[in-house]
């Protein structure tokens, strides 16, 4: 398993990598990541993905994602990454990433000047 920075995780997600958020379901998933519980991974309820799919794992402090990554590797996944230190290690960057994501969505749906004047 490899450690990833927040920047690497976001770039990989934009390129099509799968990202799982292992934090409790009470918190909204980070950046559109799919929820996944450590308990599910421990009991063998694994994501239905090809084993060579790059999988990035996120949690609050990095410990749960690292443990889940070890289980995924033991199950045969070959490209497993986890956010080093978890989201708490990257608070400012995480907020900026979320803001950029929201800003991009808003500008993508905003009408152009030509559309507004028509």
PDB file of N, CA and C in Angstrom:
ATOM      1  N   UNK A   1       0.853  -1.168   0.000  1.00  0.00           N
ATOM      2  CA  UNK A   1       0.000   0.000   0.000  1.00  0.00           C
ATOM      3  C   UNK A   1       0.901   1.234   0.000  1.00  0.00           C
ATOM      4  N   UNK A   2       0.405   2.241  -0.694  1.00  0.00           N
ATOM      5  CA  UNK A   2       1.177   3.470  -0.789  1.00  0.00           C
ATOM      6  C   UNK A   2       0.432   4.612  -0.111  1.00  0.00           C
ATOM      7  N   UNK A   3       1.207   5.553   0.417  1.00  0.00           N
ATOM      8  CA  UNK A   3       0.622   6.751   1.007  1.00  0.00           C
ATOM      9  C   UNK A   3       0.376   7.761  -0.108  1.00  0.00           C
ATOM     10  N   UNK A   4      -0.689   8.538   0.017  1.00  0.00           N
ATOM     11  CA  UNK A   4      -0.997   9.566  -0.971  1.00  0.00           C
ATOM     12  C   UNK A   4      -1.243  10.891  -0.268  1.00  0.00           C
ATOM     13  N   UNK A   5      -0.904  11.965  -0.947  1.00  0.00           N
ATOM     14  CA  UNK A   5      -1.244  13.291  -0.454  1.00  0.00           C
ATOM     15  C   UNK A   5      -2.653  13.623  -0.930  1.00  0.00           C
ATOM     16  N   UNK A   6      -3.222  14.660  -0.366  1.00  0.00           N
ATOM     17  CA  UNK A   6      -4.552  15.074  -0.790  1.00  0.00           C
ATOM     18  C   UNK A   6      -4.541  15.466  -2.271  1.00  0.00           C
ATOM     19  N   UNK A   7      -3.498  16.147  -2.689  1.00  0.00           N
ATOM     20  CA  UNK A   7      -3.378  16.554  -4.095  1.00  0.00           C
ATOM     21  C   UNK A   7      -3.350  15.331  -5.015  1.00  0.00           C
ATOM     22  N   UNK A   8      -2.601  14.308  -4.645  1.00  0.00           N
ATOM     23  CA  UNK A   8      -2.534  13.077  -5.446  1.00  0.00           C
ATOM     24  C   UNK A   8      -3.894  12.385  -5.492  1.00  0.00           C
ATOM     25  N   UNK A   9      -4.577  12.350  -4.346  1.00  0.00           N
ATOM     26  CA  UNK A   9      -5.886  11.703  -4.276  1.00  0.00           C
ATOM     27  C   UNK A   9      -6.886  12.407  -5.197  1.00  0.00           C
ATOM     28  N   UNK A  10      -6.928  13.736  -5.134  1.00  0.00           N
ATOM     29  CA  UNK A  10      -7.869  14.493  -5.953  1.00  0.00           C
ATOM     30  C   UNK A  10      -7.549  14.322  -7.437  1.00  0.00           C
ATOM     31  N   UNK A  11      -6.268  14.372  -7.789  1.00  0.00           N
ATOM     32  CA  UNK A  11      -5.869  14.190  -9.190  1.00  0.00           C
ATOM     33  C   UNK A  11      -6.248  12.795  -9.672  1.00  0.00           C
ATOM     34  N   UNK A  12      -6.036  11.791  -8.838  1.00  0.00           N
ATOM     35  CA  UNK A  12      -6.384  10.418  -9.215  1.00  0.00           C
ATOM     36  C   UNK A  12      -7.895  10.272  -9.375  1.00  0.00           C
ATOM     37  N   UNK A  13      -8.665  10.904  -8.495  1.00  0.00           N
ATOM     38  CA  UNK A  13     -10.118  10.828  -8.583  1.00  0.00           C
ATOM     39  C   UNK A  13     -10.603  11.476  -9.881  1.00  0.00           C
ATOM     40  N   UNK A  14     -10.022  12.598 -10.234  1.00  0.00           N
ATOM     41  CA  UNK A  14     -10.384  13.266 -11.491  1.00  0.00           C
ATOM     42  C   UNK A  14     -10.037  12.409 -12.700  1.00  0.00           C
ATOM     43  N   UNK A  15      -8.999  11.588 -12.556  1.00  0.00           N
ATOM     44  CA  UNK A  15      -8.570  10.705 -13.648  1.00  0.00           C
ATOM     45  C   UNK A  15      -9.351   9.401 -13.671  1.00  0.00           C
ATOM     46  N   UNK A  16     -10.287   9.231 -12.736  1.00  0.00           N
ATOM     47  CA  UNK A  16     -11.133   8.044 -12.757  1.00  0.00           C
ATOM     48  C   UNK A  16     -10.857   7.007 -11.691  1.00  0.00           C
ATOM     49  N   UNK A  17      -9.932   7.281 -10.791  1.00  0.00           N
ATOM     50  CA  UNK A  17      -9.663   6.327  -9.712  1.00  0.00           C
ATOM     51  C   UNK A  17     -10.866   6.270  -8.766  1.00  0.00           C
ATOM     52  N   UNK A  18     -11.011   5.164  -8.087  1.00  0.00           N
ATOM     53  CA  UNK A  18     -12.098   4.975  -7.132  1.00  0.00           C
ATOM     54  C   UNK A  18     -11.621   5.454  -5.760  1.00  0.00           C
ATOM     55  N   UNK A  19     -12.469   6.260  -5.105  1.00  0.00           N
ATOM     56  CA  UNK A  19     -12.143   6.764  -3.766  1.00  0.00           C
ATOM     57  C   UNK A  19     -13.237   6.325  -2.805  1.00  0.00           C
ATOM     58  N   UNK A  20     -12.821   5.747  -1.692  1.00  0.00           N
ATOM     59  CA  UNK A  20     -13.752   5.329  -0.649  1.00  0.00           C
ATOM     60  C   UNK A  20     -13.485   6.129   0.621  1.00  0.00           C
ATOM     61  N   UNK A  21     -14.549   6.565   1.266  1.00  0.00           N
ATOM     62  CA  UNK A  21     -14.478   7.299   2.521  1.00  0.00           C
ATOM     63  C   UNK A  21     -14.881   6.330   3.632  1.00  0.00           C
ATOM     64  N   UNK A  22     -13.982   6.089   4.562  1.00  0.00           N
ATOM     65  CA  UNK A  22     -14.226   5.140   5.646  1.00  0.00           C
ATOM     66  C   UNK A  22     -14.698   5.804   6.934  1.00  0.00           C
ATOM     67  N   UNK A  23     -14.976   7.088   6.895  1.00  0.00           N
ATOM     68  CA  UNK A  23     -15.486   7.757   8.093  1.00  0.00           C
ATOM     69  C   UNK A  23     -16.929   7.326   8.341  1.00  0.00           C
ATOM     70  N   UNK A  24     -17.424   7.521   9.572  1.00  0.00           N
ATOM     71  CA  UNK A  24     -18.815   7.146   9.876  1.00  0.00           C
ATOM     72  C   UNK A  24     -19.796   7.821   8.923  1.00  0.00           C
ATOM     73  N   UNK A  25     -20.891   7.145   8.674  1.00  0.00           N
ATOM     74  CA  UNK A  25     -21.892   7.623   7.719  1.00  0.00           C
ATOM     75  C   UNK A  25     -22.544   8.935   8.144  1.00  0.00           C
ATOM     76  N   UNK A  26     -22.349   9.366   9.367  1.00  0.00           N
ATOM     77  CA  UNK A  26     -22.928  10.625   9.832  1.00  0.00           C
ATOM     78  C   UNK A  26     -22.284  11.825   9.149  1.00  0.00           C
ATOM     79  N   UNK A  27     -21.091  11.630   8.618  1.00  0.00           N
ATOM     80  CA  UNK A  27     -20.391  12.706   7.941  1.00  0.00           C
ATOM     81  C   UNK A  27     -20.586  12.571   6.437  1.00  0.00           C
ATOM     82  N   UNK A  28     -20.737  13.705   5.736  1.00  0.00           N
ATOM     83  CA  UNK A  28     -20.888  13.592   4.280  1.00  0.00           C
ATOM     84  C   UNK A  28     -19.601  13.063   3.665  1.00  0.00           C
ATOM     85  N   UNK A  29     -19.695  12.201   2.644  1.00  0.00           N
ATOM     86  CA  UNK A  29     -18.492  11.660   2.023  1.00  0.00           C
ATOM     87  C   UNK A  29     -17.619  12.766   1.443  1.00  0.00           C
ATOM     88  N   UNK A  30     -16.338  12.603   1.555  1.00  0.00           N
ATOM     89  CA  UNK A  30     -15.394  13.588   1.049  1.00  0.00           C
ATOM     90  C   UNK A  30     -15.402  13.617  -0.475  1.00  0.00           C
ATOM     91  N   UNK A  31     -15.652  14.766  -1.038  1.00  0.00           N
ATOM     92  CA  UNK A  31     -15.512  14.976  -2.473  1.00  0.00           C
ATOM     93  C   UNK A  31     -16.224  13.970  -3.348  1.00  0.00           C
ATOM     94  N   UNK A  32     -17.350  13.470  -2.916  1.00  0.00           N
ATOM     95  CA  UNK A  32     -18.085  12.507  -3.725  1.00  0.00           C
ATOM     96  C   UNK A  32     -17.567  11.081  -3.625  1.00  0.00           C
ATOM     97  N   UNK A  33     -16.692  10.833  -2.652  1.00  0.00           N
ATOM     98  CA  UNK A  33     -16.186   9.468  -2.457  1.00  0.00           C
ATOM     99  C   UNK A  33     -17.322   8.547  -2.031  1.00  0.00           C
ATOM    100  N   UNK A  34     -17.227   7.304  -2.404  1.00  0.00           N
ATOM    101  CA  UNK A  34     -18.229   6.310  -2.010  1.00  0.00           C
ATOM    102  C   UNK A  34     -17.973   5.895  -0.562  1.00  0.00           C
ATOM    103  N   UNK A  35     -19.036   5.731   0.224  1.00  0.00           N
ATOM    104  CA  UNK A  35     -18.833   5.278   1.602  1.00  0.00           C
ATOM    105  C   UNK A  35     -18.444   3.794   1.642  1.00  0.00           C
ATOM    106  N   UNK A  36     -17.594   3.459   2.590  1.00  0.00           N
ATOM    107  CA  UNK A  36     -17.175   2.074   2.808  1.00  0.00           C
ATOM    108  C   UNK A  36     -16.815   1.956   4.275  1.00  0.00           C
ATOM    109  N   UNK A  37     -17.302   0.914   4.932  1.00  0.00           N
ATOM    110  CA  UNK A  37     -16.970   0.753   6.351  1.00  0.00           C
ATOM    111  C   UNK A  37     -15.848  -0.255   6.529  1.00  0.00           C
ATOM    112  N   UNK A  38     -15.060  -0.031   7.557  1.00  0.00           N
ATOM    113  CA  UNK A  38     -13.996  -0.969   7.893  1.00  0.00           C
ATOM    114  C   UNK A  38     -14.586  -2.331   8.208  1.00  0.00           C
ATOM    115  N   UNK A  39     -15.725  -2.345   8.892  1.00  0.00           N
ATOM    116  CA  UNK A  39     -16.368  -3.609   9.247  1.00  0.00           C
ATOM    117  C   UNK A  39     -16.723  -4.413   7.999  1.00  0.00           C
ATOM    118  N   UNK A  40     -17.205  -3.749   6.967  1.00  0.00           N
ATOM    119  CA  UNK A  40     -17.536  -4.444   5.721  1.00  0.00           C
ATOM    120  C   UNK A  40     -16.297  -5.078   5.113  1.00  0.00           C
ATOM    121  N   UNK A  41     -15.212  -4.333   5.094  1.00  0.00           N
ATOM    122  CA  UNK A  41     -13.962  -4.852   4.523  1.00  0.00           C
ATOM    123  C   UNK A  41     -13.457  -6.025   5.359  1.00  0.00           C
ATOM    124  N   UNK A  42     -13.525  -5.899   6.680  1.00  0.00           N
ATOM    125  CA  UNK A  42     -13.041  -6.962   7.558  1.00  0.00           C
ATOM    126  C   UNK A  42     -13.846  -8.251   7.409  1.00  0.00           C
ATOM    127  N   UNK A  43     -15.137  -8.114   7.109  1.00  0.00           N
ATOM    128  CA  UNK A  43     -15.972  -9.308   6.976  1.00  0.00           C
ATOM    129  C   UNK A  43     -16.026  -9.837   5.545  1.00  0.00           C
ATOM    130  N   UNK A  44     -15.233  -9.222   4.665  1.00  0.00           N
ATOM    131  CA  UNK A  44     -15.154  -9.727   3.297  1.00  0.00           C
ATOM    132  C   UNK A  44     -16.157  -9.126   2.336  1.00  0.00           C
ATOM    133  N   UNK A  45     -16.882  -8.110   2.756  1.00  0.00           N
ATOM    134  CA  UNK A  45     -17.799  -7.421   1.853  1.00  0.00           C
ATOM    135  C   UNK A  45     -16.982  -6.354   1.132  1.00  0.00           C
ATOM    136  N   UNK A  46     -16.376  -6.764   0.037  1.00  0.00           N
ATOM    137  CA  UNK A  46     -15.430  -5.910  -0.669  1.00  0.00           C
ATOM    138  C   UNK A  46     -16.070  -5.254  -1.884  1.00  0.00           C
ATOM    139  N   UNK A  47     -15.503  -4.129  -2.312  1.00  0.00           N
ATOM    140  CA  UNK A  47     -16.018  -3.487  -3.528  1.00  0.00           C
ATOM    141  C   UNK A  47     -15.894  -4.432  -4.717  1.00  0.00           C
ATOM    142  N   UNK A  48     -16.904  -4.417  -5.560  1.00  0.00           N
ATOM    143  CA  UNK A  48     -16.879  -5.258  -6.757  1.00  0.00           C
ATOM    144  C   UNK A  48     -16.162  -4.509  -7.864  1.00  0.00           C
ATOM    145  N   UNK A  49     -14.840  -4.630  -7.843  1.00  0.00           N
ATOM    146  CA  UNK A  49     -13.977  -3.949  -8.802  1.00  0.00           C
ATOM    147  C   UNK A  49     -12.913  -4.917  -9.287  1.00  0.00           C
ATOM    148  N   UNK A  50     -12.388  -4.692 -10.485  1.00  0.00           N
ATOM    149  CA  UNK A  50     -11.224  -5.482 -10.884  1.00  0.00           C
ATOM    150  C   UNK A  50     -10.096  -5.250  -9.873  1.00  0.00           C
ATOM    151  N   UNK A  51      -9.350  -6.275  -9.580  1.00  0.00           N
ATOM    152  CA  UNK A  51      -8.329  -6.192  -8.537  1.00  0.00           C
ATOM    153  C   UNK A  51      -7.201  -5.224  -8.863  1.00  0.00           C
ATOM    154  N   UNK A  52      -7.054  -4.837 -10.132  1.00  0.00           N
ATOM    155  CA  UNK A  52      -5.993  -3.890 -10.493  1.00  0.00           C
ATOM    156  C   UNK A  52      -6.490  -2.447 -10.568  1.00  0.00           C
ATOM    157  N   UNK A  53      -7.734  -2.199 -10.175  1.00  0.00           N
ATOM    158  CA  UNK A  53      -8.287  -0.844 -10.150  1.00  0.00           C
ATOM    159  C   UNK A  53      -7.587  -0.027  -9.064  1.00  0.00           C
ATOM    160  N   UNK A  54      -7.100   1.174  -9.391  1.00  0.00           N
ATOM    161  CA  UNK A  54      -6.538   2.017  -8.330  1.00  0.00           C
ATOM    162  C   UNK A  54      -7.633   2.401  -7.334  1.00  0.00           C
ATOM    163  N   UNK A  55      -7.384   2.121  -6.067  1.00  0.00           N
ATOM    164  CA  UNK A  55      -8.347   2.395  -5.002  1.00  0.00           C
ATOM    165  C   UNK A  55      -7.678   3.317  -3.987  1.00  0.00           C
ATOM    166  N   UNK A  56      -8.323   4.450  -3.737  1.00  0.00           N
ATOM    167  CA  UNK A  56      -7.842   5.413  -2.748  1.00  0.00           C
ATOM    168  C   UNK A  56      -8.788   5.394  -1.557  1.00  0.00           C
ATOM    169  N   UNK A  57      -8.197   5.408  -0.376  1.00  0.00           N
ATOM    170  CA  UNK A  57      -8.979   5.329   0.867  1.00  0.00           C
ATOM    171  C   UNK A  57      -8.740   6.571   1.714  1.00  0.00           C
ATOM    172  N   UNK A  58      -9.824   7.054   2.312  1.00  0.00           N
ATOM    173  CA  UNK A  58      -9.787   8.271   3.111  1.00  0.00           C
ATOM    174  C   UNK A  58     -10.490   8.012   4.436  1.00  0.00           C
ATOM    175  N   UNK A  59      -9.965   8.569   5.506  1.00  0.00           N
ATOM    176  CA  UNK A  59     -10.637   8.537   6.798  1.00  0.00           C
ATOM    177  C   UNK A  59     -10.216   9.791   7.559  1.00  0.00           C
ATOM    178  N   UNK A  60     -10.561   9.887   8.810  1.00  0.00           N
ATOM    179  CA  UNK A  60     -10.272  11.100   9.576  1.00  0.00           C
ATOM    180  C   UNK A  60      -8.781  11.255   9.891  1.00  0.00           C
ATOM    181  N   UNK A  61      -8.144  10.181  10.372  1.00  0.00           N
ATOM    182  CA  UNK A  61      -6.751  10.284  10.830  1.00  0.00           C
ATOM    183  C   UNK A  61      -5.757   9.429  10.049  1.00  0.00           C
ATOM    184  N   UNK A  62      -6.243   8.605   9.164  1.00  0.00           N
ATOM    185  CA  UNK A  62      -5.346   7.776   8.361  1.00  0.00           C
ATOM    186  C   UNK A  62      -5.172   6.357   8.866  1.00  0.00           C
ATOM    187  N   UNK A  63      -5.583   6.086  10.083  1.00  0.00           N
ATOM    188  CA  UNK A  63      -5.386   4.759  10.648  1.00  0.00           C
ATOM    189  C   UNK A  63      -6.393   3.749  10.108  1.00  0.00           C
ATOM    190  N   UNK A  64      -7.655   4.143  10.028  1.00  0.00           N
ATOM    191  CA  UNK A  64      -8.694   3.230   9.537  1.00  0.00           C
ATOM    192  C   UNK A  64      -8.477   2.944   8.052  1.00  0.00           C
ATOM    193  N   UNK A  65      -8.132   3.973   7.291  1.00  0.00           N
ATOM    194  CA  UNK A  65      -7.912   3.762   5.859  1.00  0.00           C
ATOM    195  C   UNK A  65      -6.696   2.867   5.623  1.00  0.00           C
ATOM    196  N   UNK A  66      -5.682   3.004   6.446  1.00  0.00           N
ATOM    197  CA  UNK A  66      -4.508   2.146   6.295  1.00  0.00           C
ATOM    198  C   UNK A  66      -4.852   0.691   6.621  1.00  0.00           C
ATOM    199  N   UNK A  67      -5.613   0.476   7.677  1.00  0.00           N
ATOM    200  CA  UNK A  67      -6.025  -0.881   8.041  1.00  0.00           C
ATOM    201  C   UNK A  67      -6.900  -1.491   6.950  1.00  0.00           C
ATOM    202  N   UNK A  68      -7.863  -0.709   6.448  1.00  0.00           N
ATOM    203  CA  UNK A  68      -8.723  -1.203   5.366  1.00  0.00           C
ATOM    204  C   UNK A  68      -7.890  -1.525   4.133  1.00  0.00           C
ATOM    205  N   UNK A  69      -6.882  -0.713   3.869  1.00  0.00           N
ATOM    206  CA  UNK A  69      -6.001  -0.966   2.732  1.00  0.00           C
ATOM    207  C   UNK A  69      -5.263  -2.288   2.858  1.00  0.00           C
ATOM    208  N   UNK A  70      -4.853  -2.619   4.066  1.00  0.00           N
ATOM    209  CA  UNK A  70      -4.174  -3.905   4.281  1.00  0.00           C
ATOM    210  C   UNK A  70      -5.116  -5.072   3.986  1.00  0.00           C
ATOM    211  N   UNK A  71      -6.365  -4.933   4.397  1.00  0.00           N
ATOM    212  CA  UNK A  71      -7.361  -5.969   4.089  1.00  0.00           C
ATOM    213  C   UNK A  71      -7.575  -6.080   2.581  1.00  0.00           C
ATOM    214  N   UNK A  72      -7.672  -4.933   1.899  1.00  0.00           N
ATOM    215  CA  UNK A  72      -7.880  -4.968   0.446  1.00  0.00           C
ATOM    216  C   UNK A  72      -6.691  -5.624  -0.251  1.00  0.00           C
ATOM    217  N   UNK A  73      -5.491  -5.305   0.187  1.00  0.00           N
ATOM    218  CA  UNK A  73      -4.310  -5.939  -0.402  1.00  0.00           C
ATOM    219  C   UNK A  73      -4.309  -7.445  -0.142  1.00  0.00           C
ATOM    220  N   UNK A  74      -4.683  -7.845   1.062  1.00  0.00           N
ATOM    221  CA  UNK A  74      -4.743  -9.273   1.382  1.00  0.00           C
ATOM    222  C   UNK A  74      -5.779  -9.978   0.508  1.00  0.00           C
ATOM    223  N   UNK A  75      -6.816  -9.235   0.081  1.00  0.00           N
ATOM    224  CA  UNK A  75      -7.860  -9.804  -0.778  1.00  0.00           C
ATOM    225  C   UNK A  75      -7.448  -9.802  -2.246  1.00  0.00           C
ATOM    226  N   UNK A  76      -6.275  -9.223  -2.553  1.00  0.00           N
ATOM    227  CA  UNK A  76      -5.774  -9.271  -3.925  1.00  0.00           C
ATOM    228  C   UNK A  76      -5.740  -7.960  -4.676  1.00  0.00           C
ATOM    229  N   UNK A  77      -6.225  -6.866  -4.084  1.00  0.00           N
ATOM    230  CA  UNK A  77      -6.142  -5.571  -4.762  1.00  0.00           C
ATOM    231  C   UNK A  77      -4.676  -5.152  -4.857  1.00  0.00           C
ATOM    232  N   UNK A  78      -4.285  -4.694  -6.029  1.00  0.00           N
ATOM    233  CA  UNK A  78      -2.865  -4.431  -6.270  1.00  0.00           C
ATOM    234  C   UNK A  78      -2.481  -2.960  -6.290  1.00  0.00           C
ATOM    235  N   UNK A  79      -3.436  -2.056  -6.351  1.00  0.00           N
ATOM    236  CA  UNK A  79      -3.135  -0.620  -6.421  1.00  0.00           C
ATOM    237  C   UNK A  79      -3.944   0.106  -5.345  1.00  0.00           C
ATOM    238  N   UNK A  80      -3.482  -0.016  -4.101  1.00  0.00           N
ATOM    239  CA  UNK A  80      -4.205   0.554  -2.963  1.00  0.00           C
ATOM    240  C   UNK A  80      -3.395   1.720  -2.391  1.00  0.00           C
ATOM    241  N   UNK A  81      -4.080   2.836  -2.189  1.00  0.00           N
ATOM    242  CA  UNK A  81      -3.462   4.043  -1.657  1.00  0.00           C
ATOM    243  C   UNK A  81      -4.327   4.540  -0.506  1.00  0.00           C
ATOM    244  N   UNK A  82      -3.698   5.185   0.472  1.00  0.00           N
ATOM    245  CA  UNK A  82      -4.509   5.798   1.522  1.00  0.00           C
ATOM    246  C   UNK A  82      -3.969   7.189   1.801  1.00  0.00           C
ATOM    247  N   UNK A  83      -4.873   8.083   2.189  1.00  0.00           N
ATOM    248  CA  UNK A  83      -4.511   9.467   2.462  1.00  0.00           C
ATOM    249  C   UNK A  83      -3.685   9.519   3.738  1.00  0.00           C
ATOM    250  N   UNK A  84      -2.419   9.841   3.587  1.00  0.00           N
ATOM    251  CA  UNK A  84      -1.501   9.883   4.722  1.00  0.00           C
ATOM    252  C   UNK A  84      -1.971  10.896   5.754  1.00  0.00           C
ATOM    253  N   UNK A  85      -2.169  10.443   6.982  1.00  0.00           N
ATOM    254  CA  UNK A  85      -2.600  11.323   8.060  1.00  0.00           C
ATOM    255  C   UNK A  85      -4.091  11.601   8.088  1.00  0.00           C
ATOM    256  N   UNK A  86      -4.828  11.124   7.089  1.00  0.00           N
ATOM    257  CA  UNK A  86      -6.273  11.348   7.027  1.00  0.00           C
ATOM    258  C   UNK A  86      -6.623  12.795   6.737  1.00  0.00           C
ATOM    259  N   UNK A  87      -7.908  13.066   6.715  1.00  0.00           N
ATOM    260  CA  UNK A  87      -8.371  14.418   6.391  1.00  0.00           C
ATOM    261  C   UNK A  87      -7.970  15.451   7.438  1.00  0.00           C
ATOM    262  N   UNK A  88      -7.756  15.021   8.657  1.00  0.00           N
ATOM    263  CA  UNK A  88      -7.345  15.978   9.705  1.00  0.00           C
ATOM    264  C   UNK A  88      -5.941  16.516   9.452  1.00  0.00           C
ATOM    265  N   UNK A  89      -5.143  15.814   8.695  1.00  0.00           N
ATOM    266  CA  UNK A  89      -3.802  16.285   8.374  1.00  0.00           C
ATOM    267  C   UNK A  89      -3.829  17.318   7.248  1.00  0.00           C
ATOM    268  N   UNK A  90      -4.952  17.438   6.566  1.00  0.00           N
ATOM    269  CA  UNK A  90      -5.061  18.304   5.392  1.00  0.00           C
ATOM    270  C   UNK A  90      -6.263  19.242   5.488  1.00  0.00           C
ATOM    271  N   UNK A  91      -6.558  19.849   6.634  1.00  0.00           N
ATOM    272  CA  UNK A  91      -7.821  20.582   6.759  1.00  0.00           C
ATOM    273  C   UNK A  91      -7.971  21.743   5.782  1.00  0.00           C
ATOM    274  N   UNK A  92      -6.972  22.587   5.642  1.00  0.00           N
ATOM    275  CA  UNK A  92      -7.092  23.731   4.751  1.00  0.00           C
ATOM    276  C   UNK A  92      -7.205  23.278   3.302  1.00  0.00           C
ATOM    277  N   UNK A  93      -6.363  22.316   2.913  1.00  0.00           N
ATOM    278  CA  UNK A  93      -6.404  21.816   1.547  1.00  0.00           C
ATOM    279  C   UNK A  93      -7.736  21.147   1.238  1.00  0.00           C
ATOM    280  N   UNK A  94      -8.280  20.415   2.209  1.00  0.00           N
ATOM    281  CA  UNK A  94      -9.561  19.746   1.997  1.00  0.00           C
ATOM    282  C   UNK A  94     -10.674  20.766   1.794  1.00  0.00           C
ATOM    283  N   UNK A  95     -10.660  21.832   2.595  1.00  0.00           N
ATOM    284  CA  UNK A  95     -11.674  22.878   2.433  1.00  0.00           C
ATOM    285  C   UNK A  95     -11.545  23.549   1.073  1.00  0.00           C
ATOM    286  N   UNK A  96     -10.310  23.825   0.643  1.00  0.00           N
ATOM    287  CA  UNK A  96     -10.095  24.457  -0.655  1.00  0.00           C
ATOM    288  C   UNK A  96     -10.525  23.535  -1.789  1.00  0.00           C
ATOM    289  N   UNK A  97     -10.272  22.255  -1.650  1.00  0.00           N
ATOM    290  CA  UNK A  97     -10.673  21.291  -2.668  1.00  0.00           C
ATOM    291  C   UNK A  97     -12.183  21.249  -2.791  1.00  0.00           C
ATOM    292  N   UNK A  98     -12.882  21.214  -1.653  1.00  0.00           N
ATOM    293  CA  UNK A  98     -14.340  21.210  -1.666  1.00  0.00           C
ATOM    294  C   UNK A  98     -14.873  22.504  -2.286  1.00  0.00           C
ATOM    295  N   UNK A  99     -14.246  23.638  -1.950  1.00  0.00           N
ATOM    296  CA  UNK A  99     -14.693  24.924  -2.492  1.00  0.00           C
ATOM    297  C   UNK A  99     -14.488  24.969  -4.000  1.00  0.00           C
ATOM    298  N   UNK A 100     -13.340  24.481  -4.481  1.00  0.00           N
ATOM    299  CA  UNK A 100     -13.079  24.464  -5.924  1.00  0.00           C
ATOM    300  C   UNK A 100     -14.075  23.567  -6.640  1.00  0.00           C
ATOM    301  N   UNK A 101     -14.384  22.435  -6.037  1.00  0.00           N
ATOM    302  CA  UNK A 101     -15.335  21.508  -6.632  1.00  0.00           C
ATOM    303  C   UNK A 101     -16.703  22.165  -6.760  1.00  0.00           C
ATOM    304  N   UNK A 102     -17.131  22.846  -5.713  1.00  0.00           N
ATOM    305  CA  UNK A 102     -18.415  23.544  -5.734  1.00  0.00           C
ATOM    306  C   UNK A 102     -18.390  24.679  -6.741  1.00  0.00           C
ATOM    307  N   UNK A 103     -17.284  25.432  -6.775  1.00  0.00           N
ATOM    308  CA  UNK A 103     -17.153  26.545  -7.709  1.00  0.00           C
ATOM    309  C   UNK A 103     -17.205  26.057  -9.148  1.00  0.00           C
ATOM    310  N   UNK A 104     -16.538  24.947  -9.438  1.00  0.00           N
ATOM    311  CA  UNK A 104     -16.543  24.379 -10.783  1.00  0.00           C
ATOM    312  C   UNK A 104     -17.950  23.983 -11.180  1.00  0.00           C
ATOM    313  N   UNK A 105     -18.683  23.354 -10.282  1.00  0.00           N
ATOM    314  CA  UNK A 105     -20.053  22.942 -10.575  1.00  0.00           C
ATOM    315  C   UNK A 105     -20.929  24.159 -10.854  1.00  0.00           C
ATOM    316  N   UNK A 106     -20.724  25.243 -10.098  1.00  0.00           N
ATOM    317  CA  UNK A 106     -21.527  26.444 -10.290  1.00  0.00           C
ATOM    318  C   UNK A 106     -21.217  27.106 -11.629  1.00  0.00           C
ATOM    319  N   UNK A 107     -19.941  27.184 -11.992  1.00  0.00           N
ATOM    320  CA  UNK A 107     -19.594  27.832 -13.252  1.00  0.00           C
ATOM    321  C   UNK A 107     -19.987  26.979 -14.441  1.00  0.00           C
ATOM    322  N   UNK A 108     -20.025  25.667 -14.270  1.00  0.00           N
ATOM    323  CA  UNK A 108     -20.438  24.785 -15.367  1.00  0.00           C
ATOM    324  C   UNK A 108     -21.925  24.939 -15.664  1.00  0.00           C
ATOM    325  N   UNK A 109     -22.707  25.313 -14.659  1.00  0.00           N
ATOM    326  CA  UNK A 109     -24.148  25.430 -14.867  1.00  0.00           C
ATOM    327  C   UNK A 109     -24.603  26.870 -15.067  1.00  0.00           C
ATOM    328  N   UNK A 110     -23.676  27.823 -14.884  1.00  0.00           N
ATOM    329  CA  UNK A 110     -24.014  29.236 -15.027  1.00  0.00           C
ATOM    330  C   UNK A 110     -24.156  29.576 -16.520  1.00  0.00           C
ATOM    331  N   UNK A 111     -25.189  30.311 -16.922  1.00  0.00           N
ATOM    332  CA  UNK A 111     -25.335  30.677 -18.326  1.00  0.00           C
ATOM    333  C   UNK A 111     -24.272  31.678 -18.750  1.00  0.00           C
ATOM    334  N   UNK A 112     -23.869  31.611 -20.008  1.00  0.00           N
ATOM    335  CA  UNK A 112     -22.893  32.562 -20.541  1.00  0.00           C
ATOM    336  C   UNK A 112     -23.555  33.901 -20.743  1.00  0.00           C
ATOM    337  N   UNK A 113     -22.774  34.956 -20.980  1.00  0.00           N
ATOM    338  CA  UNK A 113     -23.322  36.294 -21.208  1.00  0.00           C
ATOM    339  C   UNK A 113     -24.252  36.293 -22.419  1.00  0.00           C
ATOM    340  N   UNK A 114     -23.866  35.562 -23.473  1.00  0.00           N
ATOM    341  CA  UNK A 114     -24.691  35.495 -24.677  1.00  0.00           C
ATOM    342  C   UNK A 114     -26.048  34.849 -24.380  1.00  0.00           C
ATOM    343  N   UNK A 115     -26.023  33.814 -23.533  1.00  0.00           N
ATOM    344  CA  UNK A 115     -27.268  33.133 -23.168  1.00  0.00           C
ATOM    345  C   UNK A 115     -28.157  34.046 -22.330  1.00  0.00           C
ATOM    346  N   UNK A 116     -27.529  34.860 -21.435  1.00  0.00           N
ATOM    347  CA  UNK A 116     -28.299  35.743 -20.573  1.00  0.00           C
ATOM    348  C   UNK A 116     -28.962  36.871 -21.373  1.00  0.00           C
ATOM    349  N   UNK A 117     -28.283  37.371 -22.426  1.00  0.00           N
ATOM    350  CA  UNK A 117     -28.822  38.487 -23.195  1.00  0.00           C
ATOM    351  C   UNK A 117     -29.840  38.043 -24.241  1.00  0.00           C
ATOM    352  N   UNK A 118     -29.920  36.769 -24.480  1.00  0.00           N
ATOM    353  CA  UNK A 118     -30.853  36.251 -25.497  1.00  0.00           C
ATOM    354  C   UNK A 118     -32.276  36.211 -25.021  1.00  0.00           C
TER     355      UNK A 118
END
